[in-house]
Amino acid sequence: MKRYPEHQPNSSIRRSRDVSALSRLALLLFSGVVLAGGFVFAAKQHFAAVQYGYQSESLRSERKKLLEEQQRLSLDKEKASSPARLEAEARQLGLKPATAGQISTIDGSSVSVATAQMEERSKAPASHR
């Protein structure tokens, strides 16, 4: 049993387009694209924040290491420039402590005394030195 006749002229019948259904479909599609774009943007922001967190932590640890190294180097510098060590190194090089006559100050009276002492030494014979 056939429900439709075989030779029915349906080619001339056209269905009218439902404009409101198409506009609802376009609005739904646009909303879906905006929503998906929002999720992608939020995920991108989240991953960037996590990456910046890791970079920040690595920079903090590097800063801590550099501060420790700076403290160590400052301590080594203080040890190297201590008066006891400098005196020992100077003695190894053959240097002797300064005598009172070798030390002069900048004010006018002691400079003239030091100059006079130097002149006396230069005038003295070589055998007295």
N, C-alpha and C. Protein backbone atom coordinates (compact mmCIF):
# COMPACT_ATOMS: atom_id res chain seq x y z
N MET A 1 0.82 -1.15 0.00
CA MET A 1 0.00 0.00 0.00
C MET A 1 0.89 1.24 0.00
N LYS A 2 0.60 2.08 -0.93
CA LYS A 2 1.37 3.30 -1.09
C LYS A 2 0.57 4.47 -0.57
N ARG A 3 1.24 5.29 0.17
CA ARG A 3 0.54 6.45 0.73
C ARG A 3 0.55 7.63 -0.23
N TYR A 4 1.61 7.76 -0.97
CA TYR A 4 1.73 8.90 -1.87
C TYR A 4 1.59 8.41 -3.31
N PRO A 5 0.88 9.15 -4.04
CA PRO A 5 0.80 8.75 -5.45
C PRO A 5 2.12 9.01 -6.14
N GLU A 6 2.43 8.20 -7.09
CA GLU A 6 3.72 8.27 -7.76
C GLU A 6 3.87 9.50 -8.63
N HIS A 7 2.84 10.00 -9.19
CA HIS A 7 2.93 11.12 -10.13
C HIS A 7 2.24 12.36 -9.58
N GLN A 8 2.73 12.82 -8.47
CA GLN A 8 2.15 14.02 -7.88
C GLN A 8 3.07 15.20 -8.16
N PRO A 9 2.62 16.30 -8.63
CA PRO A 9 3.47 17.44 -8.99
C PRO A 9 3.85 18.30 -7.77
N ASN A 10 4.78 17.83 -7.01
CA ASN A 10 5.22 18.57 -5.81
C ASN A 10 6.38 19.53 -6.12
N SER A 11 6.92 19.51 -7.27
CA SER A 11 8.05 20.36 -7.60
C SER A 11 7.70 21.83 -7.59
N SER A 12 6.49 22.18 -7.79
CA SER A 12 6.09 23.58 -7.82
C SER A 12 5.79 24.11 -6.42
N ILE A 13 5.71 23.27 -5.45
CA ILE A 13 5.41 23.71 -4.08
C ILE A 13 6.72 24.07 -3.39
N ARG A 14 6.79 25.27 -2.84
CA ARG A 14 7.97 25.75 -2.13
C ARG A 14 7.57 26.09 -0.70
N ARG A 15 8.48 25.71 0.23
CA ARG A 15 8.23 26.03 1.62
C ARG A 15 8.72 27.45 1.89
N SER A 16 7.99 28.22 2.63
CA SER A 16 8.42 29.58 2.96
C SER A 16 9.47 29.52 4.08
N ARG A 17 10.40 30.43 3.99
CA ARG A 17 11.47 30.45 4.99
C ARG A 17 10.97 31.12 6.26
N ASP A 18 11.36 30.53 7.39
CA ASP A 18 10.99 31.08 8.68
C ASP A 18 12.11 32.02 9.12
N VAL A 19 11.93 33.31 8.95
CA VAL A 19 12.96 34.31 9.25
C VAL A 19 13.24 34.37 10.74
N SER A 20 12.25 34.23 11.56
CA SER A 20 12.47 34.31 13.01
C SER A 20 13.29 33.11 13.49
N ALA A 21 13.09 31.95 12.90
CA ALA A 21 13.90 30.78 13.29
C ALA A 21 15.36 30.98 12.89
N LEU A 22 15.58 31.55 11.70
CA LEU A 22 16.95 31.81 11.27
C LEU A 22 17.62 32.86 12.16
N SER A 23 16.88 33.88 12.56
CA SER A 23 17.48 34.90 13.42
C SER A 23 17.78 34.34 14.81
N ARG A 24 16.90 33.47 15.33
CA ARG A 24 17.17 32.81 16.62
C ARG A 24 18.40 31.92 16.51
N LEU A 25 18.54 31.22 15.41
CA LEU A 25 19.70 30.35 15.20
C LEU A 25 20.98 31.18 15.11
N ALA A 26 20.94 32.31 14.41
CA ALA A 26 22.11 33.18 14.31
C ALA A 26 22.48 33.75 15.67
N LEU A 27 21.49 34.17 16.45
CA LEU A 27 21.75 34.69 17.79
C LEU A 27 22.35 33.61 18.69
N LEU A 28 21.82 32.41 18.60
CA LEU A 28 22.34 31.30 19.38
C LEU A 28 23.79 30.98 18.98
N LEU A 29 24.06 30.98 17.70
CA LEU A 29 25.42 30.73 17.22
C LEU A 29 26.39 31.82 17.68
N PHE A 30 25.99 33.07 17.56
CA PHE A 30 26.83 34.19 18.02
C PHE A 30 27.09 34.11 19.52
N SER A 31 26.06 33.80 20.30
CA SER A 31 26.23 33.67 21.75
C SER A 31 27.18 32.53 22.10
N GLY A 32 27.06 31.43 21.39
CA GLY A 32 27.96 30.30 21.62
C GLY A 32 29.41 30.64 21.31
N VAL A 33 29.62 31.37 20.22
CA VAL A 33 30.98 31.77 19.84
C VAL A 33 31.56 32.72 20.89
N VAL A 34 30.76 33.68 21.35
CA VAL A 34 31.22 34.62 22.38
C VAL A 34 31.54 33.88 23.68
N LEU A 35 30.69 32.96 24.07
CA LEU A 35 30.91 32.18 25.28
C LEU A 35 32.18 31.32 25.17
N ALA A 36 32.36 30.66 24.04
CA ALA A 36 33.56 29.84 23.84
C ALA A 36 34.80 30.73 23.82
N GLY A 37 34.71 31.89 23.19
CA GLY A 37 35.84 32.82 23.19
C GLY A 37 36.18 33.29 24.60
N GLY A 38 35.17 33.52 25.42
CA GLY A 38 35.40 33.90 26.82
C GLY A 38 36.12 32.80 27.59
N PHE A 39 35.73 31.56 27.38
CA PHE A 39 36.41 30.45 28.05
C PHE A 39 37.86 30.32 27.59
N VAL A 40 38.10 30.50 26.31
CA VAL A 40 39.47 30.42 25.79
C VAL A 40 40.31 31.55 26.37
N PHE A 41 39.75 32.77 26.43
CA PHE A 41 40.47 33.91 27.00
C PHE A 41 40.77 33.69 28.47
N ALA A 42 39.80 33.18 29.22
CA ALA A 42 40.00 32.92 30.65
C ALA A 42 41.07 31.85 30.86
N ALA A 43 41.06 30.82 30.04
CA ALA A 43 42.08 29.77 30.16
C ALA A 43 43.46 30.34 29.84
N LYS A 44 43.55 31.18 28.83
CA LYS A 44 44.83 31.80 28.47
C LYS A 44 45.34 32.66 29.63
N GLN A 45 44.47 33.43 30.24
CA GLN A 45 44.86 34.27 31.38
C GLN A 45 45.32 33.41 32.56
N HIS A 46 44.63 32.32 32.79
CA HIS A 46 44.99 31.43 33.90
C HIS A 46 46.38 30.83 33.68
N PHE A 47 46.64 30.33 32.49
CA PHE A 47 47.95 29.73 32.22
C PHE A 47 49.06 30.77 32.26
N ALA A 48 48.78 31.99 31.83
CA ALA A 48 49.78 33.06 31.91
C ALA A 48 50.07 33.39 33.37
N ALA A 49 49.03 33.42 34.20
CA ALA A 49 49.24 33.71 35.63
C ALA A 49 50.06 32.61 36.30
N VAL A 50 49.80 31.37 35.95
CA VAL A 50 50.58 30.27 36.51
C VAL A 50 52.04 30.37 36.07
N GLN A 51 52.27 30.69 34.80
CA GLN A 51 53.63 30.83 34.29
C GLN A 51 54.35 31.98 34.99
N TYR A 52 53.68 33.12 35.19
CA TYR A 52 54.30 34.24 35.89
C TYR A 52 54.59 33.88 37.34
N GLY A 53 53.76 33.06 37.94
CA GLY A 53 54.01 32.59 39.31
C GLY A 53 55.30 31.78 39.38
N TYR A 54 55.49 30.87 38.43
CA TYR A 54 56.71 30.07 38.40
C TYR A 54 57.94 30.95 38.17
N GLN A 55 57.82 31.91 37.25
CA GLN A 55 58.95 32.82 37.00
C GLN A 55 59.26 33.65 38.24
N SER A 56 58.24 34.12 38.91
CA SER A 56 58.43 34.92 40.12
C SER A 56 59.12 34.10 41.20
N GLU A 57 58.72 32.87 41.35
CA GLU A 57 59.34 32.01 42.37
C GLU A 57 60.80 31.74 42.03
N SER A 58 61.11 31.50 40.77
CA SER A 58 62.50 31.25 40.40
C SER A 58 63.34 32.51 40.60
N LEU A 59 62.77 33.69 40.31
CA LEU A 59 63.50 34.93 40.54
C LEU A 59 63.71 35.18 42.03
N ARG A 60 62.73 34.83 42.86
CA ARG A 60 62.91 34.97 44.31
C ARG A 60 64.05 34.09 44.81
N SER A 61 64.09 32.85 44.34
CA SER A 61 65.16 31.95 44.80
C SER A 61 66.52 32.43 44.29
N GLU A 62 66.57 32.95 43.05
CA GLU A 62 67.83 33.47 42.53
C GLU A 62 68.28 34.70 43.33
N ARG A 63 67.33 35.55 43.70
CA ARG A 63 67.64 36.74 44.51
C ARG A 63 68.19 36.31 45.87
N LYS A 64 67.58 35.30 46.46
CA LYS A 64 68.04 34.81 47.76
C LYS A 64 69.47 34.28 47.66
N LYS A 65 69.75 33.53 46.60
CA LYS A 65 71.10 33.00 46.40
C LYS A 65 72.11 34.13 46.21
N LEU A 66 71.73 35.16 45.43
CA LEU A 66 72.63 36.27 45.19
C LEU A 66 72.89 37.08 46.46
N LEU A 67 71.86 37.24 47.31
CA LEU A 67 72.07 37.94 48.57
C LEU A 67 73.00 37.16 49.49
N GLU A 68 72.84 35.84 49.51
CA GLU A 68 73.74 35.01 50.31
C GLU A 68 75.18 35.11 49.80
N GLU A 69 75.33 35.09 48.48
CA GLU A 69 76.67 35.22 47.91
C GLU A 69 77.26 36.60 48.20
N GLN A 70 76.43 37.63 48.16
CA GLN A 70 76.91 38.97 48.47
C GLN A 70 77.37 39.05 49.92
N GLN A 71 76.63 38.44 50.83
CA GLN A 71 77.04 38.43 52.23
C GLN A 71 78.35 37.66 52.41
N ARG A 72 78.47 36.54 51.71
CA ARG A 72 79.70 35.75 51.81
C ARG A 72 80.89 36.54 51.28
N LEU A 73 80.71 37.19 50.14
CA LEU A 73 81.80 37.97 49.56
C LEU A 73 82.15 39.18 50.43
N SER A 74 81.16 39.79 51.05
CA SER A 74 81.42 40.91 51.96
C SER A 74 82.21 40.43 53.17
N LEU A 75 81.88 39.26 53.68
CA LEU A 75 82.62 38.70 54.81
C LEU A 75 84.06 38.37 54.40
N ASP A 76 84.23 37.79 53.21
CA ASP A 76 85.58 37.51 52.71
C ASP A 76 86.39 38.79 52.55
N LYS A 77 85.74 39.85 52.08
CA LYS A 77 86.42 41.14 51.93
C LYS A 77 86.85 41.68 53.28
N GLU A 78 85.97 41.59 54.27
CA GLU A 78 86.30 42.07 55.61
C GLU A 78 87.46 41.27 56.20
N LYS A 79 87.45 39.95 55.98
CA LYS A 79 88.55 39.12 56.48
C LYS A 79 89.86 39.49 55.80
N ALA A 80 89.79 39.72 54.48
CA ALA A 80 91.01 40.02 53.73
C ALA A 80 91.57 41.39 54.09
N SER A 81 90.72 42.32 54.48
CA SER A 81 91.21 43.67 54.79
C SER A 81 91.34 43.92 56.29
N SER A 82 91.35 42.86 57.09
CA SER A 82 91.53 43.05 58.54
C SER A 82 92.97 43.49 58.80
N PRO A 83 93.17 44.35 59.81
CA PRO A 83 94.51 44.86 60.09
C PRO A 83 95.54 43.75 60.39
N ALA A 84 95.15 42.72 61.10
CA ALA A 84 96.09 41.64 61.43
C ALA A 84 96.57 40.94 60.16
N ARG A 85 95.65 40.66 59.27
CA ARG A 85 96.03 39.97 58.04
C ARG A 85 96.88 40.89 57.14
N LEU A 86 96.48 42.16 57.04
CA LEU A 86 97.26 43.09 56.24
C LEU A 86 98.68 43.24 56.78
N GLU A 87 98.82 43.25 58.10
CA GLU A 87 100.16 43.36 58.70
C GLU A 87 100.99 42.13 58.38
N ALA A 88 100.38 40.95 58.47
CA ALA A 88 101.12 39.71 58.16
C ALA A 88 101.53 39.68 56.69
N GLU A 89 100.65 40.07 55.81
CA GLU A 89 100.98 40.10 54.38
C GLU A 89 102.08 41.12 54.09
N ALA A 90 102.02 42.28 54.76
CA ALA A 90 103.05 43.31 54.55
C ALA A 90 104.41 42.81 55.02
N ARG A 91 104.44 42.10 56.14
CA ARG A 91 105.72 41.56 56.64
C ARG A 91 106.28 40.52 55.68
N GLN A 92 105.40 39.74 55.06
CA GLN A 92 105.87 38.75 54.09
C GLN A 92 106.48 39.44 52.87
N LEU A 93 105.98 40.61 52.53
CA LEU A 93 106.52 41.35 51.40
C LEU A 93 107.78 42.15 51.78
N GLY A 94 108.14 42.16 53.05
CA GLY A 94 109.33 42.86 53.49
C GLY A 94 109.08 44.29 53.94
N LEU A 95 107.85 44.66 54.13
CA LEU A 95 107.53 46.00 54.60
C LEU A 95 107.64 46.05 56.11
N LYS A 96 107.97 47.23 56.64
CA LYS A 96 108.11 47.42 58.08
C LYS A 96 107.12 48.47 58.53
N PRO A 97 106.76 48.46 59.82
CA PRO A 97 105.84 49.49 60.32
C PRO A 97 106.46 50.88 60.20
N ALA A 98 105.62 51.89 60.01
CA ALA A 98 106.09 53.26 59.87
C ALA A 98 106.55 53.79 61.23
N THR A 99 107.61 54.58 61.20
CA THR A 99 108.08 55.22 62.43
C THR A 99 107.40 56.57 62.57
N ALA A 100 107.57 57.18 63.75
CA ALA A 100 106.90 58.45 64.02
C ALA A 100 107.39 59.54 63.09
N GLY A 101 108.63 59.52 62.68
CA GLY A 101 109.16 60.55 61.80
C GLY A 101 108.65 60.44 60.38
N GLN A 102 108.18 59.27 59.99
CA GLN A 102 107.68 59.08 58.63
C GLN A 102 106.23 59.54 58.46
N ILE A 103 105.54 59.70 59.56
CA ILE A 103 104.12 60.06 59.51
C ILE A 103 104.00 61.57 59.62
N SER A 104 103.31 62.18 58.72
CA SER A 104 103.07 63.62 58.78
C SER A 104 101.61 63.90 58.53
N THR A 105 101.15 65.03 59.05
CA THR A 105 99.76 65.43 58.85
C THR A 105 99.71 66.57 57.86
N ILE A 106 98.54 66.96 57.49
CA ILE A 106 98.37 67.95 56.44
C ILE A 106 98.46 69.38 56.99
N ASP A 107 98.20 69.61 58.27
CA ASP A 107 98.24 71.00 58.76
C ASP A 107 99.63 71.60 58.59
N GLY A 108 99.73 72.89 58.56
CA GLY A 108 100.96 73.60 58.16
C GLY A 108 102.17 73.34 59.03
N SER A 109 102.02 73.20 60.34
CA SER A 109 103.18 73.07 61.23
C SER A 109 103.91 71.75 61.03
N SER A 110 103.18 70.67 60.98
CA SER A 110 103.84 69.37 60.85
C SER A 110 104.40 69.16 59.45
N VAL A 111 103.82 69.77 58.44
CA VAL A 111 104.34 69.65 57.09
C VAL A 111 105.71 70.31 57.01
N SER A 112 105.86 71.47 57.65
CA SER A 112 107.17 72.13 57.62
C SER A 112 108.19 71.34 58.41
N VAL A 113 107.79 70.68 59.50
CA VAL A 113 108.71 69.85 60.27
C VAL A 113 109.13 68.65 59.43
N ALA A 114 108.17 68.02 58.77
CA ALA A 114 108.49 66.87 57.94
C ALA A 114 109.39 67.27 56.79
N THR A 115 109.15 68.42 56.21
CA THR A 115 109.98 68.90 55.11
C THR A 115 111.39 69.17 55.60
N ALA A 116 111.51 69.74 56.79
CA ALA A 116 112.84 70.01 57.35
C ALA A 116 113.58 68.71 57.62
N GLN A 117 112.88 67.70 58.14
CA GLN A 117 113.51 66.42 58.41
C GLN A 117 113.98 65.77 57.11
N MET A 118 113.20 65.89 56.07
CA MET A 118 113.60 65.30 54.80
C MET A 118 114.81 66.01 54.22
N GLU A 119 114.86 67.33 54.40
CA GLU A 119 116.00 68.08 53.91
C GLU A 119 117.28 67.72 54.66
N GLU A 120 117.12 67.50 55.98
CA GLU A 120 118.29 67.13 56.79
C GLU A 120 118.83 65.77 56.35
N ARG A 121 117.94 64.87 56.07
CA ARG A 121 118.37 63.52 55.66
C ARG A 121 119.07 63.57 54.30
N SER A 122 118.57 64.41 53.41
CA SER A 122 119.19 64.48 52.08
C SER A 122 120.56 65.14 52.15
N LYS A 123 120.81 66.04 53.13
CA LYS A 123 122.09 66.71 53.28
C LYS A 123 123.10 65.84 54.02
N ALA A 124 122.60 64.90 54.80
CA ALA A 124 123.49 64.06 55.60
C ALA A 124 124.30 63.16 54.69
N PRO A 125 125.55 62.83 55.12
CA PRO A 125 126.38 61.95 54.30
C PRO A 125 125.77 60.55 54.18
N ALA A 126 126.15 59.85 53.13
CA ALA A 126 125.57 58.55 52.84
C ALA A 126 125.96 57.52 53.90
N SER A 127 127.04 57.71 54.62
CA SER A 127 127.48 56.72 55.60
C SER A 127 126.58 56.71 56.83
N HIS A 128 125.86 57.77 57.12
CA HIS A 128 124.97 57.85 58.29
C HIS A 128 123.65 57.17 58.05
N ARG A 129 123.33 56.94 56.85
CA ARG A 129 122.02 56.34 56.53
C ARG A 129 122.00 54.93 56.88
